[in-house]
Amino acid sequence: LREAAHLFAERGWDVDVLTTCASDHHTWANAYPPGT
């Protein structure tokens, strides 16, 4: 999905990624600040 997001954008799509603040798939702790 990350690669597709960039390649869709290159083809002219307006792309939003909607995701969590987590980086660890074991704890799902918030590692990034929320926001845009």
PDB file of all heavy atoms in Angstrom:
ATOM      1  N   LEU A   1       0.817  -1.210   0.000  1.00  0.00           N
ATOM      2  CA  LEU A   1       0.000   0.000   0.000  1.00  0.00           C
ATOM      3  C   LEU A   1       0.852   1.262   0.000  1.00  0.00           C
ATOM      4  O   LEU A   1       0.477   2.262  -0.616  1.00  0.00           O
ATOM      5  CB  LEU A   1      -0.950   0.003   1.199  1.00  0.00           C
ATOM      6  CG  LEU A   1      -2.190  -0.883   1.080  1.00  0.00           C
ATOM      7  CD1 LEU A   1      -3.188  -0.560   2.187  1.00  0.00           C
ATOM      8  CD2 LEU A   1      -2.871  -0.762  -0.272  1.00  0.00           C
ATOM      9  N   ARG A   2       1.999   1.225   0.667  1.00  0.00           N
ATOM     10  CA  ARG A   2       2.848   2.416   0.652  1.00  0.00           C
ATOM     11  C   ARG A   2       3.375   2.687  -0.757  1.00  0.00           C
ATOM     12  O   ARG A   2       3.342   3.828  -1.242  1.00  0.00           O
ATOM     13  CB  ARG A   2       4.012   2.264   1.635  1.00  0.00           C
ATOM     14  CG  ARG A   2       4.899   3.517   1.703  1.00  0.00           C
ATOM     15  CD  ARG A   2       5.905   3.439   2.847  1.00  0.00           C
ATOM     16  NE  ARG A   2       6.624   4.690   2.960  1.00  0.00           N
ATOM     17  CZ  ARG A   2       7.779   4.955   2.335  1.00  0.00           C
ATOM     18  NH1 ARG A   2       8.348   4.036   1.572  1.00  0.00           N
ATOM     19  NH2 ARG A   2       8.378   6.120   2.491  1.00  0.00           N
ATOM     20  N   GLU A   3       3.849   1.649  -1.423  1.00  0.00           N
ATOM     21  CA  GLU A   3       4.360   1.838  -2.783  1.00  0.00           C
ATOM     22  C   GLU A   3       3.231   2.217  -3.733  1.00  0.00           C
ATOM     23  O   GLU A   3       3.394   3.095  -4.594  1.00  0.00           O
ATOM     24  CB  GLU A   3       5.082   0.579  -3.240  1.00  0.00           C
ATOM     25  CG  GLU A   3       6.374   0.330  -2.476  1.00  0.00           C
ATOM     26  CD  GLU A   3       7.042  -0.992  -2.829  1.00  0.00           C
ATOM     27  OE1 GLU A   3       6.574  -1.665  -3.777  1.00  0.00           O
ATOM     28  OE2 GLU A   3       8.026  -1.351  -2.162  1.00  0.00           O
ATOM     29  N   ALA A   4       2.075   1.561  -3.589  1.00  0.00           N
ATOM     30  CA  ALA A   4       0.941   1.890  -4.456  1.00  0.00           C
ATOM     31  C   ALA A   4       0.514   3.340  -4.260  1.00  0.00           C
ATOM     32  O   ALA A   4       0.153   4.024  -5.235  1.00  0.00           O
ATOM     33  CB  ALA A   4      -0.225   0.947  -4.159  1.00  0.00           C
ATOM     34  N   ALA A   5       0.547   3.826  -3.018  1.00  0.00           N
ATOM     35  CA  ALA A   5       0.153   5.208  -2.761  1.00  0.00           C
ATOM     36  C   ALA A   5       0.991   6.181  -3.578  1.00  0.00           C
ATOM     37  O   ALA A   5       0.461   7.096  -4.230  1.00  0.00           O
ATOM     38  CB  ALA A   5       0.288   5.515  -1.261  1.00  0.00           C
ATOM     39  N   HIS A   6       2.298   5.970  -3.568  1.00  0.00           N
ATOM     40  CA  HIS A   6       3.182   6.877  -4.307  1.00  0.00           C
ATOM     41  C   HIS A   6       3.001   6.745  -5.815  1.00  0.00           C
ATOM     42  O   HIS A   6       3.022   7.748  -6.548  1.00  0.00           O
ATOM     43  CB  HIS A   6       4.632   6.623  -3.909  1.00  0.00           C
ATOM     44  CG  HIS A   6       4.980   7.126  -2.549  1.00  0.00           C
ATOM     45  ND1 HIS A   6       5.371   8.425  -2.310  1.00  0.00           N
ATOM     46  CD2 HIS A   6       4.965   6.521  -1.337  1.00  0.00           C
ATOM     47  CE1 HIS A   6       5.594   8.591  -1.022  1.00  0.00           C
ATOM     48  NE2 HIS A   6       5.353   7.450  -0.400  1.00  0.00           N
ATOM     49  N   LEU A   7       2.785   5.529  -6.277  1.00  0.00           N
ATOM     50  CA  LEU A   7       2.647   5.334  -7.722  1.00  0.00           C
ATOM     51  C   LEU A   7       1.296   5.813  -8.236  1.00  0.00           C
ATOM     52  O   LEU A   7       1.205   6.362  -9.338  1.00  0.00           O
ATOM     53  CB  LEU A   7       2.864   3.860  -8.060  1.00  0.00           C
ATOM     54  CG  LEU A   7       4.310   3.389  -7.803  1.00  0.00           C
ATOM     55  CD1 LEU A   7       4.404   1.875  -7.882  1.00  0.00           C
ATOM     56  CD2 LEU A   7       5.271   4.035  -8.784  1.00  0.00           C
ATOM     57  N   PHE A   8       0.234   5.641  -7.457  1.00  0.00           N
ATOM     58  CA  PHE A   8      -1.047   6.248  -7.825  1.00  0.00           C
ATOM     59  C   PHE A   8      -0.903   7.765  -7.903  1.00  0.00           C
ATOM     60  O   PHE A   8      -1.440   8.412  -8.823  1.00  0.00           O
ATOM     61  CB  PHE A   8      -2.127   5.886  -6.804  1.00  0.00           C
ATOM     62  CG  PHE A   8      -2.848   4.599  -7.074  1.00  0.00           C
ATOM     63  CD1 PHE A   8      -2.861   3.580  -6.131  1.00  0.00           C
ATOM     64  CD2 PHE A   8      -3.545   4.401  -8.260  1.00  0.00           C
ATOM     65  CE1 PHE A   8      -3.537   2.394  -6.369  1.00  0.00           C
ATOM     66  CE2 PHE A   8      -4.231   3.217  -8.510  1.00  0.00           C
ATOM     67  CZ  PHE A   8      -4.227   2.209  -7.563  1.00  0.00           C
ATOM     68  N   ALA A   9      -0.181   8.344  -6.944  1.00  0.00           N
ATOM     69  CA  ALA A   9       0.017   9.795  -6.954  1.00  0.00           C
ATOM     70  C   ALA A   9       0.767  10.239  -8.207  1.00  0.00           C
ATOM     71  O   ALA A   9       0.438  11.268  -8.814  1.00  0.00           O
ATOM     72  CB  ALA A   9       0.757  10.238  -5.696  1.00  0.00           C
ATOM     73  N   GLU A  10       1.766   9.443  -8.616  1.00  0.00           N
ATOM     74  CA  GLU A  10       2.501   9.769  -9.846  1.00  0.00           C
ATOM     75  C   GLU A  10       1.596   9.739 -11.065  1.00  0.00           C
ATOM     76  O   GLU A  10       1.837  10.458 -12.045  1.00  0.00           O
ATOM     77  CB  GLU A  10       3.658   8.787 -10.037  1.00  0.00           C
ATOM     78  CG  GLU A  10       4.821   8.995  -9.088  1.00  0.00           C
ATOM     79  CD  GLU A  10       5.946   8.008  -9.333  1.00  0.00           C
ATOM     80  OE1 GLU A  10       5.908   7.302 -10.366  1.00  0.00           O
ATOM     81  OE2 GLU A  10       6.857   7.925  -8.485  1.00  0.00           O
ATOM     82  N   ARG A  11       0.554   8.922 -11.024  1.00  0.00           N
ATOM     83  CA  ARG A  11      -0.381   8.837 -12.148  1.00  0.00           C
ATOM     84  C   ARG A  11      -1.504   9.867 -12.060  1.00  0.00           C
ATOM     85  O   ARG A  11      -2.451   9.824 -12.841  1.00  0.00           O
ATOM     86  CB  ARG A  11      -0.970   7.433 -12.238  1.00  0.00           C
ATOM     87  CG  ARG A  11       0.040   6.383 -12.680  1.00  0.00           C
ATOM     88  CD  ARG A  11      -0.635   5.063 -13.025  1.00  0.00           C
ATOM     89  NE  ARG A  11       0.314   4.103 -13.587  1.00  0.00           N
ATOM     90  CZ  ARG A  11      -0.033   2.954 -14.169  1.00  0.00           C
ATOM     91  NH1 ARG A  11      -1.309   2.617 -14.282  1.00  0.00           N
ATOM     92  NH2 ARG A  11       0.891   2.147 -14.657  1.00  0.00           N
ATOM     93  N   GLY A  12      -1.416  10.759 -11.098  1.00  0.00           N
ATOM     94  CA  GLY A  12      -2.380  11.852 -11.033  1.00  0.00           C
ATOM     95  C   GLY A  12      -3.475  11.698 -10.016  1.00  0.00           C
ATOM     96  O   GLY A  12      -4.342  12.582  -9.887  1.00  0.00           O
ATOM     97  N   TRP A  13      -3.481  10.600  -9.244  1.00  0.00           N
ATOM     98  CA  TRP A  13      -4.482  10.415  -8.214  1.00  0.00           C
ATOM     99  C   TRP A  13      -4.153  11.294  -7.006  1.00  0.00           C
ATOM    100  O   TRP A  13      -2.981  11.510  -6.672  1.00  0.00           O
ATOM    101  CB  TRP A  13      -4.544   8.961  -7.764  1.00  0.00           C
ATOM    102  CG  TRP A  13      -5.058   8.011  -8.804  1.00  0.00           C
ATOM    103  CD1 TRP A  13      -4.359   7.444  -9.826  1.00  0.00           C
ATOM    104  CD2 TRP A  13      -6.394   7.515  -8.923  1.00  0.00           C
ATOM    105  NE1 TRP A  13      -5.158   6.622 -10.573  1.00  0.00           N
ATOM    106  CE2 TRP A  13      -6.426   6.645 -10.042  1.00  0.00           C
ATOM    107  CE3 TRP A  13      -7.567   7.709  -8.183  1.00  0.00           C
ATOM    108  CZ2 TRP A  13      -7.586   5.980 -10.444  1.00  0.00           C
ATOM    109  CZ3 TRP A  13      -8.716   7.047  -8.577  1.00  0.00           C
ATOM    110  CH2 TRP A  13      -8.719   6.201  -9.693  1.00  0.00           C
ATOM    111  N   ASP A  14      -5.181  11.786  -6.344  1.00  0.00           N
ATOM    112  CA  ASP A  14      -5.042  12.486  -5.069  1.00  0.00           C
ATOM    113  C   ASP A  14      -5.153  11.411  -3.990  1.00  0.00           C
ATOM    114  O   ASP A  14      -6.222  10.819  -3.789  1.00  0.00           O
ATOM    115  CB  ASP A  14      -6.164  13.520  -4.939  1.00  0.00           C
ATOM    116  CG  ASP A  14      -6.045  14.373  -3.688  1.00  0.00           C
ATOM    117  OD1 ASP A  14      -5.081  14.185  -2.927  1.00  0.00           O
ATOM    118  OD2 ASP A  14      -6.935  15.210  -3.463  1.00  0.00           O
ATOM    119  N   VAL A  15      -4.052  11.143  -3.287  1.00  0.00           N
ATOM    120  CA  VAL A  15      -3.982   9.976  -2.403  1.00  0.00           C
ATOM    121  C   VAL A  15      -3.840  10.400  -0.951  1.00  0.00           C
ATOM    122  O   VAL A  15      -2.921  11.146  -0.595  1.00  0.00           O
ATOM    123  CB  VAL A  15      -2.801   9.055  -2.784  1.00  0.00           C
ATOM    124  CG1 VAL A  15      -2.752   7.839  -1.866  1.00  0.00           C
ATOM    125  CG2 VAL A  15      -2.916   8.610  -4.248  1.00  0.00           C
ATOM    126  N   ASP A  16      -4.760   9.903  -0.128  1.00  0.00           N
ATOM    127  CA  ASP A  16      -4.644  10.015   1.326  1.00  0.00           C
ATOM    128  C   ASP A  16      -4.357   8.631   1.892  1.00  0.00           C
ATOM    129  O   ASP A  16      -5.017   7.651   1.507  1.00  0.00           O
ATOM    130  CB  ASP A  16      -5.949  10.504   1.964  1.00  0.00           C
ATOM    131  CG  ASP A  16      -6.143  12.003   1.859  1.00  0.00           C
ATOM    132  OD1 ASP A  16      -5.353  12.664   1.150  1.00  0.00           O
ATOM    133  OD2 ASP A  16      -7.105  12.507   2.468  1.00  0.00           O
ATOM    134  N   VAL A  17      -3.394   8.544   2.801  1.00  0.00           N
ATOM    135  CA  VAL A  17      -3.202   7.340   3.599  1.00  0.00           C
ATOM    136  C   VAL A  17      -3.808   7.599   4.967  1.00  0.00           C
ATOM    137  O   VAL A  17      -3.450   8.570   5.634  1.00  0.00           O
ATOM    138  CB  VAL A  17      -1.707   6.974   3.720  1.00  0.00           C
ATOM    139  CG1 VAL A  17      -1.503   5.894   4.783  1.00  0.00           C
ATOM    140  CG2 VAL A  17      -1.161   6.502   2.383  1.00  0.00           C
ATOM    141  N   LEU A  18      -4.742   6.749   5.357  1.00  0.00           N
ATOM    142  CA  LEU A  18      -5.378   6.841   6.673  1.00  0.00           C
ATOM    143  C   LEU A  18      -4.872   5.664   7.485  1.00  0.00           C
ATOM    144  O   LEU A  18      -5.115   4.505   7.133  1.00  0.00           O
ATOM    145  CB  LEU A  18      -6.900   6.777   6.538  1.00  0.00           C
ATOM    146  CG  LEU A  18      -7.541   7.674   5.469  1.00  0.00           C
ATOM    147  CD1 LEU A  18      -9.044   7.478   5.442  1.00  0.00           C
ATOM    148  CD2 LEU A  18      -7.188   9.138   5.701  1.00  0.00           C
ATOM    149  N   THR A  19      -4.162   5.937   8.562  1.00  0.00           N
ATOM    150  CA  THR A  19      -3.493   4.857   9.270  1.00  0.00           C
ATOM    151  C   THR A  19      -3.408   5.165  10.762  1.00  0.00           C
ATOM    152  O   THR A  19      -3.875   6.207  11.223  1.00  0.00           O
ATOM    153  CB  THR A  19      -2.101   4.608   8.666  1.00  0.00           C
ATOM    154  OG1 THR A  19      -1.544   3.395   9.185  1.00  0.00           O
ATOM    155  CG2 THR A  19      -1.151   5.768   8.960  1.00  0.00           C
ATOM    156  N   THR A  20      -2.807   4.263  11.497  1.00  0.00           N
ATOM    157  CA  THR A  20      -2.679   4.431  12.943  1.00  0.00           C
ATOM    158  C   THR A  20      -1.385   5.170  13.287  1.00  0.00           C
ATOM    159  O   THR A  20      -0.522   5.407  12.438  1.00  0.00           O
ATOM    160  CB  THR A  20      -2.677   3.070  13.656  1.00  0.00           C
ATOM    161  OG1 THR A  20      -1.429   2.411  13.393  1.00  0.00           O
ATOM    162  CG2 THR A  20      -3.823   2.190  13.177  1.00  0.00           C
ATOM    163  N   CYS A  21      -1.250   5.457  14.564  1.00  0.00           N
ATOM    164  CA  CYS A  21      -0.007   6.035  15.086  1.00  0.00           C
ATOM    165  C   CYS A  21       0.971   4.952  15.532  1.00  0.00           C
ATOM    166  O   CYS A  21       2.011   5.257  16.115  1.00  0.00           O
ATOM    167  CB  CYS A  21      -0.308   6.951  16.271  1.00  0.00           C
ATOM    168  SG  CYS A  21      -1.298   8.403  15.868  1.00  0.00           S
ATOM    169  N   ALA A  22       0.648   3.692  15.277  1.00  0.00           N
ATOM    170  CA  ALA A  22       1.468   2.583  15.753  1.00  0.00           C
ATOM    171  C   ALA A  22       2.552   2.230  14.744  1.00  0.00           C
ATOM    172  O   ALA A  22       2.397   2.417  13.535  1.00  0.00           O
ATOM    173  CB  ALA A  22       0.595   1.355  16.015  1.00  0.00           C
ATOM    174  N   SER A  23       3.658   1.669  15.251  1.00  0.00           N
ATOM    175  CA  SER A  23       4.691   1.099  14.385  1.00  0.00           C
ATOM    176  C   SER A  23       4.940  -0.369  14.715  1.00  0.00           C
ATOM    177  O   SER A  23       5.370  -1.130  13.858  1.00  0.00           O
ATOM    178  CB  SER A  23       6.001   1.891  14.498  1.00  0.00           C
ATOM    179  OG  SER A  23       6.519   1.817  15.816  1.00  0.00           O
ATOM    180  N   ASP A  24       4.676  -0.780  15.953  1.00  0.00           N
ATOM    181  CA  ASP A  24       4.941  -2.142  16.418  1.00  0.00           C
ATOM    182  C   ASP A  24       3.662  -2.967  16.330  1.00  0.00           C
ATOM    183  O   ASP A  24       2.651  -2.624  16.956  1.00  0.00           O
ATOM    184  CB  ASP A  24       5.456  -2.105  17.854  1.00  0.00           C
ATOM    185  CG  ASP A  24       5.911  -3.464  18.361  1.00  0.00           C
ATOM    186  OD1 ASP A  24       5.128  -4.430  18.262  1.00  0.00           O
ATOM    187  OD2 ASP A  24       7.042  -3.555  18.874  1.00  0.00           O
ATOM    188  N   HIS A  25       3.706  -4.062  15.571  1.00  0.00           N
ATOM    189  CA  HIS A  25       2.492  -4.860  15.367  1.00  0.00           C
ATOM    190  C   HIS A  25       2.251  -5.849  16.506  1.00  0.00           C
ATOM    191  O   HIS A  25       1.293  -6.631  16.445  1.00  0.00           O
ATOM    192  CB  HIS A  25       2.558  -5.605  14.037  1.00  0.00           C
ATOM    193  CG  HIS A  25       3.571  -6.704  13.995  1.00  0.00           C
ATOM    194  ND1 HIS A  25       4.918  -6.465  13.964  1.00  0.00           N
ATOM    195  CD2 HIS A  25       3.438  -8.046  13.989  1.00  0.00           C
ATOM    196  CE1 HIS A  25       5.574  -7.618  13.942  1.00  0.00           C
ATOM    197  NE2 HIS A  25       4.703  -8.596  13.959  1.00  0.00           N
ATOM    198  N   HIS A  26       3.095  -5.842  17.519  1.00  0.00           N
ATOM    199  CA  HIS A  26       2.839  -6.643  18.717  1.00  0.00           C
ATOM    200  C   HIS A  26       2.091  -5.826  19.772  1.00  0.00           C
ATOM    201  O   HIS A  26       1.099  -6.290  20.337  1.00  0.00           O
ATOM    202  CB  HIS A  26       4.148  -7.177  19.299  1.00  0.00           C
ATOM    203  CG  HIS A  26       4.843  -8.161  18.421  1.00  0.00           C
ATOM    204  ND1 HIS A  26       4.330  -9.401  18.141  1.00  0.00           N
ATOM    205  CD2 HIS A  26       6.020  -8.075  17.737  1.00  0.00           C
ATOM    206  CE1 HIS A  26       5.163 -10.060  17.337  1.00  0.00           C
ATOM    207  NE2 HIS A  26       6.189  -9.276  17.082  1.00  0.00           N
ATOM    208  N   THR A  27       2.564  -4.616  20.042  1.00  0.00           N
ATOM    209  CA  THR A  27       1.954  -3.798  21.093  1.00  0.00           C
ATOM    210  C   THR A  27       0.889  -2.838  20.557  1.00  0.00           C
ATOM    211  O   THR A  27       0.000  -2.436  21.300  1.00  0.00           O
ATOM    212  CB  THR A  27       3.017  -2.968  21.809  1.00  0.00           C
ATOM    213  OG1 THR A  27       3.559  -1.984  20.899  1.00  0.00           O
ATOM    214  CG2 THR A  27       4.146  -3.851  22.329  1.00  0.00           C
ATOM    215  N   TRP A  28       1.022  -2.424  19.311  1.00  0.00           N
ATOM    216  CA  TRP A  28       0.144  -1.413  18.715  1.00  0.00           C
ATOM    217  C   TRP A  28       0.150  -0.131  19.540  1.00  0.00           C
ATOM    218  O   TRP A  28      -0.827   0.620  19.554  1.00  0.00           O
ATOM    219  CB  TRP A  28      -1.275  -1.954  18.526  1.00  0.00           C
ATOM    220  CG  TRP A  28      -1.305  -3.090  17.548  1.00  0.00           C
ATOM    221  CD1 TRP A  28      -1.372  -4.417  17.847  1.00  0.00           C
ATOM    222  CD2 TRP A  28      -1.228  -2.994  16.128  1.00  0.00           C
ATOM    223  NE1 TRP A  28      -1.337  -5.168  16.688  1.00  0.00           N
ATOM    224  CE2 TRP A  28      -1.261  -4.321  15.625  1.00  0.00           C
ATOM    225  CE3 TRP A  28      -1.147  -1.935  15.218  1.00  0.00           C
ATOM    226  CZ2 TRP A  28      -1.199  -4.610  14.268  1.00  0.00           C
ATOM    227  CZ3 TRP A  28      -1.096  -2.221  13.868  1.00  0.00           C
ATOM    228  CH2 TRP A  28      -1.116  -3.540  13.399  1.00  0.00           C
ATOM    229  N   ALA A  29       1.267   0.130  20.210  1.00  0.00           N
ATOM    230  CA  ALA A  29       1.395   1.372  20.972  1.00  0.00           C
ATOM    231  C   ALA A  29       1.523   2.556  20.015  1.00  0.00           C
ATOM    232  O   ALA A  29       2.045   2.437  18.898  1.00  0.00           O
ATOM    233  CB  ALA A  29       2.618   1.305  21.878  1.00  0.00           C
ATOM    234  N   ASN A  30       1.060   3.707  20.464  1.00  0.00           N
ATOM    235  CA  ASN A  30       1.137   4.916  19.635  1.00  0.00           C
ATOM    236  C   ASN A  30       2.571   5.443  19.635  1.00  0.00           C
ATOM    237  O   ASN A  30       3.070   5.902  20.659  1.00  0.00           O
ATOM    238  CB  ASN A  30       0.170   5.970  20.169  1.00  0.00           C
ATOM    239  CG  ASN A  30      -1.271   5.555  19.968  1.00  0.00           C
ATOM    240  OD1 ASN A  30      -1.715   5.361  18.839  1.00  0.00           O
ATOM    241  ND2 ASN A  30      -2.001   5.387  21.063  1.00  0.00           N
ATOM    242  N   ALA A  31       3.220   5.362  18.490  1.00  0.00           N
ATOM    243  CA  ALA A  31       4.615   5.774  18.363  1.00  0.00           C
ATOM    244  C   ALA A  31       4.757   7.089  17.595  1.00  0.00           C
ATOM    245  O   ALA A  31       5.775   7.766  17.727  1.00  0.00           O
ATOM    246  CB  ALA A  31       5.416   4.681  17.661  1.00  0.00           C
ATOM    247  N   TYR A  32       3.780   7.433  16.778  1.00  0.00           N
ATOM    248  CA  TYR A  32       3.800   8.681  16.011  1.00  0.00           C
ATOM    249  C   TYR A  32       2.728   9.614  16.570  1.00  0.00           C
ATOM    250  O   TYR A  32       1.711   9.161  17.106  1.00  0.00           O
ATOM    251  CB  TYR A  32       3.473   8.420  14.537  1.00  0.00           C
ATOM    252  CG  TYR A  32       4.373   7.446  13.835  1.00  0.00           C
ATOM    253  CD1 TYR A  32       3.981   6.122  13.672  1.00  0.00           C
ATOM    254  CD2 TYR A  32       5.598   7.842  13.306  1.00  0.00           C
ATOM    255  CE1 TYR A  32       4.791   5.214  13.004  1.00  0.00           C
ATOM    256  CE2 TYR A  32       6.414   6.941  12.640  1.00  0.00           C
ATOM    257  CZ  TYR A  32       6.002   5.624  12.497  1.00  0.00           C
ATOM    258  OH  TYR A  32       6.804   4.728  11.838  1.00  0.00           O
ATOM    259  N   PRO A  33       2.901  10.907  16.425  1.00  0.00           N
ATOM    260  CA  PRO A  33       1.839  11.827  16.845  1.00  0.00           C
ATOM    261  C   PRO A  33       0.656  11.750  15.878  1.00  0.00           C
ATOM    262  O   PRO A  33       0.837  11.544  14.681  1.00  0.00           O
ATOM    263  CB  PRO A  33       2.518  13.195  16.789  1.00  0.00           C
ATOM    264  CG  PRO A  33       3.638  13.036  15.806  1.00  0.00           C
ATOM    265  CD  PRO A  33       4.107  11.619  15.938  1.00  0.00           C
ATOM    266  N   PRO A  34      -0.547  11.915  16.394  1.00  0.00           N
ATOM    267  CA  PRO A  34      -1.699  11.959  15.491  1.00  0.00           C
ATOM    268  C   PRO A  34      -1.690  13.251  14.685  1.00  0.00           C
ATOM    269  O   PRO A  34      -1.066  14.248  15.069  1.00  0.00           O
ATOM    270  CB  PRO A  34      -2.891  11.908  16.443  1.00  0.00           C
ATOM    271  CG  PRO A  34      -2.376  12.494  17.714  1.00  0.00           C
ATOM    272  CD  PRO A  34      -0.928  12.093  17.801  1.00  0.00           C
ATOM    273  N   GLY A  35      -2.372  13.222  13.552  1.00  0.00           N
ATOM    274  CA  GLY A  35      -2.451  14.421  12.729  1.00  0.00           C
ATOM    275  C   GLY A  35      -2.061  14.154  11.297  1.00  0.00           C
ATOM    276  O   GLY A  35      -1.881  13.004  10.881  1.00  0.00           O
ATOM    277  N   THR A  36      -1.901  15.216  10.542  1.00  0.00           N
ATOM    278  CA  THR A  36      -1.695  15.138   9.098  1.00  0.00           C
ATOM    279  C   THR A  36      -0.292  15.575   8.734  1.00  0.00           C
ATOM    280  O   THR A  36       0.176  16.636   9.167  1.00  0.00           O
ATOM    281  CB  THR A  36      -2.721  16.014   8.366  1.00  0.00           C
ATOM    282  OG1 THR A  36      -4.043  15.603   8.730  1.00  0.00           O
ATOM    283  CG2 THR A  36      -2.553  15.892   6.861  1.00  0.00           C
TER     284      THR A  36
END
